[in-house]
PDB file of N, CA and C in Angstrom:
ATOM      1  N   THR A   1      17.472  -4.140 -16.775  1.00  0.00           N
ATOM      2  CA  THR A   1      18.859  -4.861 -16.707  1.00  0.00           C
ATOM      3  C   THR A   1      19.311  -4.339 -15.383  1.00  0.00           C
ATOM      4  N   GLU A   2      20.806  -5.130 -15.230  1.00  0.00           N
ATOM      5  CA  GLU A   2      21.087  -4.810 -13.672  1.00  0.00           C
ATOM      6  C   GLU A   2      22.520  -5.068 -14.060  1.00  0.00           C
ATOM      7  N   ILE A   3      23.684  -4.215 -13.498  1.00  0.00           N
ATOM      8  CA  ILE A   3      25.388  -3.854 -14.418  1.00  0.00           C
ATOM      9  C   ILE A   3      25.637  -5.023 -13.305  1.00  0.00           C
ATOM     10  N   HIS A   4      26.448  -5.902 -14.227  1.00  0.00           N
ATOM     11  CA  HIS A   4      27.589  -7.015 -13.565  1.00  0.00           C
ATOM     12  C   HIS A   4      29.019  -6.433 -13.786  1.00  0.00           C
ATOM     13  N   HIS A   5      29.834  -6.763 -13.254  1.00  0.00           N
ATOM     14  CA  HIS A   5      31.041  -6.281 -13.364  1.00  0.00           C
ATOM     15  C   HIS A   5      32.006  -7.412 -13.340  1.00  0.00           C
ATOM     16  N   PRO A   6      31.956  -8.024 -14.753  1.00  0.00           N
ATOM     17  CA  PRO A   6      33.278  -9.141 -14.722  1.00  0.00           C
ATOM     18  C   PRO A   6      34.279  -9.167 -14.195  1.00  0.00           C
ATOM     19  N   HIS A   7      34.872  -7.877 -13.782  1.00  0.00           N
ATOM     20  CA  HIS A   7      35.966  -7.976 -12.816  1.00  0.00           C
ATOM     21  C   HIS A   7      35.739  -7.435 -11.735  1.00  0.00           C
ATOM     22  N   TRP A   8      35.508  -7.674 -10.378  1.00  0.00           N
ATOM     23  CA  TRP A   8      34.885  -7.220  -9.353  1.00  0.00           C
ATOM     24  C   TRP A   8      35.537  -6.487  -8.773  1.00  0.00           C
ATOM     25  N   TRP A   9      34.204  -5.410  -8.641  1.00  0.00           N
ATOM     26  CA  TRP A   9      35.120  -4.303  -7.946  1.00  0.00           C
ATOM     27  C   TRP A   9      35.194  -4.025  -6.306  1.00  0.00           C
ATOM     28  N   SER A  10      35.156  -5.011  -5.826  1.00  0.00           N
ATOM     29  CA  SER A  10      35.366  -5.613  -4.525  1.00  0.00           C
ATOM     30  C   SER A  10      36.567  -6.042  -4.815  1.00  0.00           C
ATOM     31  N   ARG A  11      36.838  -6.662  -6.176  1.00  0.00           N
ATOM     32  CA  ARG A  11      38.734  -7.114  -5.804  1.00  0.00           C
ATOM     33  C   ARG A  11      39.597  -6.337  -6.619  1.00  0.00           C
ATOM     34  N   GLY A  12      39.090  -4.777  -6.660  1.00  0.00           N
ATOM     35  CA  GLY A  12      39.766  -4.623  -7.558  1.00  0.00           C
ATOM     36  C   GLY A  12      39.656  -3.781  -8.962  1.00  0.00           C
ATOM     37  N   GLY A  13      38.545  -4.419  -9.194  1.00  0.00           N
ATOM     38  CA  GLY A  13      37.571  -4.032 -10.834  1.00  0.00           C
ATOM     39  C   GLY A  13      37.336  -2.538 -10.973  1.00  0.00           C
ATOM     40  N   LYS A  14      37.326  -2.134 -11.839  1.00  0.00           N
ATOM     41  CA  LYS A  14      37.188  -0.663 -11.801  1.00  0.00           C
ATOM     42  C   LYS A  14      35.003  -0.655 -12.071  1.00  0.00           C
ATOM     43  N   THR A  15      34.768   0.829 -11.810  1.00  0.00           N
ATOM     44  CA  THR A  15      33.149   0.611 -12.025  1.00  0.00           C
ATOM     45  C   THR A  15      32.996   1.836 -12.942  1.00  0.00           C
ATOM     46  N   ASN A  16      33.528   1.576 -14.225  1.00  0.00           N
ATOM     47  CA  ASN A  16      33.478   2.082 -15.164  1.00  0.00           C
ATOM     48  C   ASN A  16      32.504   1.002 -16.544  1.00  0.00           C
ATOM     49  N   LEU A  17      32.596   1.767 -17.714  1.00  0.00           N
ATOM     50  CA  LEU A  17      31.854   1.158 -18.817  1.00  0.00           C
ATOM     51  C   LEU A  17      32.495   0.562 -19.234  1.00  0.00           C
ATOM     52  N   ASP A  18      34.107  -0.199 -19.458  1.00  0.00           N
ATOM     53  CA  ASP A  18      34.359  -1.259 -19.750  1.00  0.00           C
ATOM     54  C   ASP A  18      34.760  -2.423 -19.086  1.00  0.00           C
ATOM     55  N   ASN A  19      34.341  -1.930 -17.773  1.00  0.00           N
ATOM     56  CA  ASN A  19      34.119  -3.105 -16.610  1.00  0.00           C
ATOM     57  C   ASN A  19      32.562  -3.361 -16.411  1.00  0.00           C
ATOM     58  N   ALA A  20      31.614  -2.996 -17.378  1.00  0.00           N
ATOM     59  CA  ALA A  20      29.955  -2.980 -17.061  1.00  0.00           C
ATOM     60  C   ALA A  20      28.946  -3.899 -18.066  1.00  0.00           C
ATOM     61  N   LEU A  21      28.562  -5.022 -17.726  1.00  0.00           N
ATOM     62  CA  LEU A  21      28.478  -6.006 -18.502  1.00  0.00           C
ATOM     63  C   LEU A  21      26.497  -5.856 -18.190  1.00  0.00           C
ATOM     64  N   PRO A  22      25.590  -5.643 -19.436  1.00  0.00           N
ATOM     65  CA  PRO A  22      24.099  -5.283 -18.958  1.00  0.00           C
ATOM     66  C   PRO A  22      23.919  -6.879 -18.710  1.00  0.00           C
ATOM     67  N   LEU A  23      22.742  -7.174 -17.515  1.00  0.00           N
ATOM     68  CA  LEU A  23      22.433  -8.463 -17.515  1.00  0.00           C
ATOM     69  C   LEU A  23      20.883  -8.651 -17.137  1.00  0.00           C
ATOM     70  N   CYS A  24      20.592  -9.325 -17.517  1.00  0.00           N
ATOM     71  CA  CYS A  24      18.679  -9.145 -16.666  1.00  0.00           C
ATOM     72  C   CYS A  24      19.324  -9.698 -15.125  1.00  0.00           C
ATOM     73  N   GLY A  25      18.137  -9.927 -14.438  1.00  0.00           N
ATOM     74  CA  GLY A  25      18.131 -10.128 -13.415  1.00  0.00           C
ATOM     75  C   GLY A  25      18.771 -11.542 -12.785  1.00  0.00           C
ATOM     76  N   HIS A  26      17.732 -12.311 -13.613  1.00  0.00           N
ATOM     77  CA  HIS A  26      18.229 -13.790 -13.697  1.00  0.00           C
ATOM     78  C   HIS A  26      19.572 -14.097 -14.139  1.00  0.00           C
ATOM     79  N   HIS A  27      20.411 -13.724 -15.019  1.00  0.00           N
ATOM     80  CA  HIS A  27      21.627 -14.251 -15.664  1.00  0.00           C
ATOM     81  C   HIS A  27      22.455 -13.121 -14.637  1.00  0.00           C
ATOM     82  N   HIS A  28      22.164 -12.124 -13.760  1.00  0.00           N
ATOM     83  CA  HIS A  28      23.228 -11.365 -13.012  1.00  0.00           C
ATOM     84  C   HIS A  28      23.478 -12.482 -11.666  1.00  0.00           C
ATOM     85  N   GLN A  29      22.094 -12.895 -10.932  1.00  0.00           N
ATOM     86  CA  GLN A  29      22.257 -13.931 -10.334  1.00  0.00           C
ATOM     87  C   GLN A  29      23.302 -15.157 -10.419  1.00  0.00           C
ATOM     88  N   ARG A  30      23.043 -15.819 -11.874  1.00  0.00           N
ATOM     89  CA  ARG A  30      23.965 -16.908 -12.521  1.00  0.00           C
ATOM     90  C   ARG A  30      25.166 -16.306 -12.313  1.00  0.00           C
ATOM     91  N   ALA A  31      25.405 -15.179 -12.873  1.00  0.00           N
ATOM     92  CA  ALA A  31      26.837 -14.600 -12.918  1.00  0.00           C
ATOM     93  C   ALA A  31      27.962 -14.750 -11.840  1.00  0.00           C
ATOM     94  N   HIS A  32      26.789 -14.718 -10.514  1.00  0.00           N
ATOM     95  CA  HIS A  32      27.588 -15.179  -9.215  1.00  0.00           C
ATOM     96  C   HIS A  32      27.187 -16.232  -8.780  1.00  0.00           C
ATOM     97  N   ASP A  33      27.056 -17.316  -9.420  1.00  0.00           N
ATOM     98  CA  ASP A  33      26.690 -18.680  -8.752  1.00  0.00           C
ATOM     99  C   ASP A  33      28.033 -19.328  -8.992  1.00  0.00           C
ATOM    100  N   THR A  34      28.879 -19.845  -7.865  1.00  0.00           N
ATOM    101  CA  THR A  34      30.073 -20.549  -7.946  1.00  0.00           C
ATOM    102  C   THR A  34      30.191 -21.394  -8.539  1.00  0.00           C
ATOM    103  N   ASN A  35      28.853 -21.865  -9.047  1.00  0.00           N
ATOM    104  CA  ASN A  35      28.836 -23.814 -10.146  1.00  0.00           C
ATOM    105  C   ASN A  35      29.423 -22.908 -11.240  1.00  0.00           C
ATOM    106  N   LEU A  36      28.867 -21.953 -11.819  1.00  0.00           N
ATOM    107  CA  LEU A  36      29.122 -21.406 -13.004  1.00  0.00           C
ATOM    108  C   LEU A  36      30.356 -20.714 -13.533  1.00  0.00           C
ATOM    109  N   ASP A  37      30.838 -20.578 -14.537  1.00  0.00           N
ATOM    110  CA  ASP A  37      31.964 -19.562 -14.963  1.00  0.00           C
ATOM    111  C   ASP A  37      31.623 -18.872 -15.657  1.00  0.00           C
ATOM    112  N   LEU A  38      31.415 -17.361 -15.774  1.00  0.00           N
ATOM    113  CA  LEU A  38      31.278 -16.160 -16.546  1.00  0.00           C
ATOM    114  C   LEU A  38      32.552 -16.057 -17.519  1.00  0.00           C
ATOM    115  N   HIS A  39      32.270 -16.401 -18.786  1.00  0.00           N
ATOM    116  CA  HIS A  39      33.843 -15.681 -19.926  1.00  0.00           C
ATOM    117  C   HIS A  39      33.593 -15.262 -20.861  1.00  0.00           C
ATOM    118  N   ARG A  40      34.795 -14.304 -21.342  1.00  0.00           N
ATOM    119  CA  ARG A  40      34.160 -13.688 -22.661  1.00  0.00           C
ATOM    120  C   ARG A  40      34.866 -14.865 -23.831  1.00  0.00           C
ATOM    121  N   ARG A  41      33.945 -14.864 -24.891  1.00  0.00           N
ATOM    122  CA  ARG A  41      34.199 -15.828 -25.794  1.00  0.00           C
ATOM    123  C   ARG A  41      35.308 -15.551 -27.063  1.00  0.00           C
ATOM    124  N   PRO A  42      35.999 -16.122 -27.751  1.00  0.00           N
ATOM    125  CA  PRO A  42      36.662 -14.942 -28.619  1.00  0.00           C
ATOM    126  C   PRO A  42      35.810 -14.026 -29.759  1.00  0.00           C
ATOM    127  N   ASP A  43      34.826 -14.677 -29.928  1.00  0.00           N
ATOM    128  CA  ASP A  43      34.211 -13.672 -30.733  1.00  0.00           C
ATOM    129  C   ASP A  43      33.452 -12.588 -29.881  1.00  0.00           C
ATOM    130  N   GLY A  44      34.036 -12.177 -28.650  1.00  0.00           N
ATOM    131  CA  GLY A  44      33.400 -10.981 -27.760  1.00  0.00           C
ATOM    132  C   GLY A  44      32.179 -11.170 -26.973  1.00  0.00           C
ATOM    133  N   GLU A  45      31.218 -12.270 -27.316  1.00  0.00           N
ATOM    134  CA  GLU A  45      30.499 -12.446 -26.857  1.00  0.00           C
ATOM    135  C   GLU A  45      30.553 -12.717 -25.115  1.00  0.00           C
ATOM    136  N   TRP A  46      29.568 -12.895 -24.109  1.00  0.00           N
ATOM    137  CA  TRP A  46      29.733 -13.369 -22.918  1.00  0.00           C
ATOM    138  C   TRP A  46      29.084 -14.890 -23.072  1.00  0.00           C
ATOM    139  N   SER A  47      29.732 -15.561 -22.181  1.00  0.00           N
ATOM    140  CA  SER A  47      28.783 -17.361 -21.876  1.00  0.00           C
ATOM    141  C   SER A  47      29.036 -17.467 -20.209  1.00  0.00           C
ATOM    142  N   LEU A  48      28.024 -18.239 -19.868  1.00  0.00           N
ATOM    143  CA  LEU A  48      27.752 -18.638 -18.925  1.00  0.00           C
ATOM    144  C   LEU A  48      27.887 -20.381 -18.792  1.00  0.00           C
ATOM    145  N   ASP A  49      29.255 -20.512 -18.623  1.00  0.00           N
ATOM    146  CA  ASP A  49      29.106 -22.338 -18.466  1.00  0.00           C
ATOM    147  C   ASP A  49      29.209 -23.237 -16.980  1.00  0.00           C
ATOM    148  N   ARG A  50      28.470 -24.448 -17.161  1.00  0.00           N
ATOM    149  CA  ARG A  50      29.092 -24.933 -15.342  1.00  0.00           C
ATOM    150  C   ARG A  50      30.484 -24.784 -15.320  1.00  0.00           C
ATOM    151  N   ARG A  51      31.038 -24.856 -14.124  1.00  0.00           N
ATOM    152  CA  ARG A  51      32.559 -24.724 -13.929  1.00  0.00           C
ATOM    153  C   ARG A  51      32.819 -26.482 -13.924  1.00  0.00           C
ATOM    154  N   ARG A  52      33.915 -26.705 -14.401  1.00  0.00           N
ATOM    155  CA  ARG A  52      34.517 -28.135 -14.281  1.00  0.00           C
ATOM    156  C   ARG A  52      35.328 -28.056 -13.062  1.00  0.00           C
ATOM    157  N   ARG A  53      35.368 -29.195 -12.379  1.00  0.00           N
ATOM    158  CA  ARG A  53      36.245 -28.935 -11.119  1.00  0.00           C
ATOM    159  C   ARG A  53      36.504 -30.529 -10.372  1.00  0.00           C
ATOM    160  N   PRO A  54      37.606 -30.915  -9.743  1.00  0.00           N
ATOM    161  CA  PRO A  54      37.415 -32.217  -9.382  1.00  0.00           C
ATOM    162  C   PRO A  54      36.442 -32.467  -8.788  1.00  0.00           C
ATOM    163  N   PRO A  55      35.767 -33.359  -8.494  1.00  0.00           N
ATOM    164  CA  PRO A  55      35.069 -33.754  -7.076  1.00  0.00           C
ATOM    165  C   PRO A  55      35.389 -33.572  -5.781  1.00  0.00           C
ATOM    166  N   GLY A  56      34.681 -32.941  -5.115  1.00  0.00           N
ATOM    167  CA  GLY A  56      35.027 -32.402  -3.421  1.00  0.00           C
ATOM    168  C   GLY A  56      36.195 -31.335  -4.013  1.00  0.00           C
ATOM    169  N   LEU A  57      36.164 -30.737  -4.535  1.00  0.00           N
ATOM    170  CA  LEU A  57      36.827 -29.281  -4.640  1.00  0.00           C
ATOM    171  C   LEU A  57      36.023 -28.331  -4.418  1.00  0.00           C
ATOM    172  N   PRO A  58      36.165 -27.520  -3.293  1.00  0.00           N
ATOM    173  CA  PRO A  58      35.306 -26.291  -3.357  1.00  0.00           C
ATOM    174  C   PRO A  58      35.537 -25.361  -4.523  1.00  0.00           C
ATOM    175  N   ALA A  59      34.353 -24.729  -4.460  1.00  0.00           N
ATOM    176  CA  ALA A  59      33.954 -23.799  -6.098  1.00  0.00           C
ATOM    177  C   ALA A  59      35.027 -22.532  -5.471  1.00  0.00           C
ATOM    178  N   ALA A  60      35.613 -21.743  -6.526  1.00  0.00           N
ATOM    179  CA  ALA A  60      36.468 -21.105  -5.934  1.00  0.00           C
ATOM    180  C   ALA A  60      35.812 -19.943  -6.926  1.00  0.00           C
ATOM    181  N   ARG A  61      36.034 -18.455  -6.346  1.00  0.00           N
ATOM    182  CA  ARG A  61      35.225 -17.430  -6.886  1.00  0.00           C
ATOM    183  C   ARG A  61      36.680 -16.517  -7.799  1.00  0.00           C
ATOM    184  N   PRO A  62      36.338 -16.627  -8.838  1.00  0.00           N
ATOM    185  CA  PRO A  62      37.939 -15.930  -9.504  1.00  0.00           C
ATOM    186  C   PRO A  62      37.369 -14.303  -9.825  1.00  0.00           C
ATOM    187  N   ASP A  63      38.722 -13.275  -9.638  1.00  0.00           N
ATOM    188  CA  ASP A  63      38.091 -12.427  -9.471  1.00  0.00           C
ATOM    189  C   ASP A  63      38.246 -11.336 -10.673  1.00  0.00           C
ATOM    190  N   GLU A  64      38.603 -12.579 -12.124  1.00  0.00           N
ATOM    191  CA  GLU A  64      38.393 -12.092 -13.094  1.00  0.00           C
ATOM    192  C   GLU A  64      37.868 -13.029 -13.967  1.00  0.00           C
ATOM    193  N   ALA A  65      36.900 -12.990 -14.620  1.00  0.00           N
ATOM    194  CA  ALA A  65      35.947 -14.054 -15.169  1.00  0.00           C
ATOM    195  C   ALA A  65      36.075 -14.122 -16.747  1.00  0.00           C
ATOM    196  N   SER A  66      36.641 -13.104 -17.231  1.00  0.00           N
ATOM    197  CA  SER A  66      37.132 -13.230 -18.691  1.00  0.00           C
ATOM    198  C   SER A  66      38.223 -14.028 -19.066  1.00  0.00           C
ATOM    199  N   ARG A  67      38.625 -14.993 -17.886  1.00  0.00           N
ATOM    200  CA  ARG A  67      39.957 -15.781 -18.548  1.00  0.00           C
ATOM    201  C   ARG A  67      39.420 -16.551 -18.728  1.00  0.00           C
TER     202      ARG A  67
END
C-alpha cells in the first residue's frame, strides 16, 4: 500500500494518521487524477467518482478531498 493524504500536505494538510489513507498504487494514482474526485461518504468509507464539471472548464485540484 501507499499512503495518500486526502488533505494534501503540500497545501497545508498534516502528515499524521488522521490524514493518512492507505491505497494500492493504482488507486493512489487515481486519487491524484484531476478527472476524479476522492471524497468520504456519509458511512465513513472513501469513494472515487468521476468529477462533474461543465464542458471546457479545466479540472480543479481541491486541497480538501473530503468535501
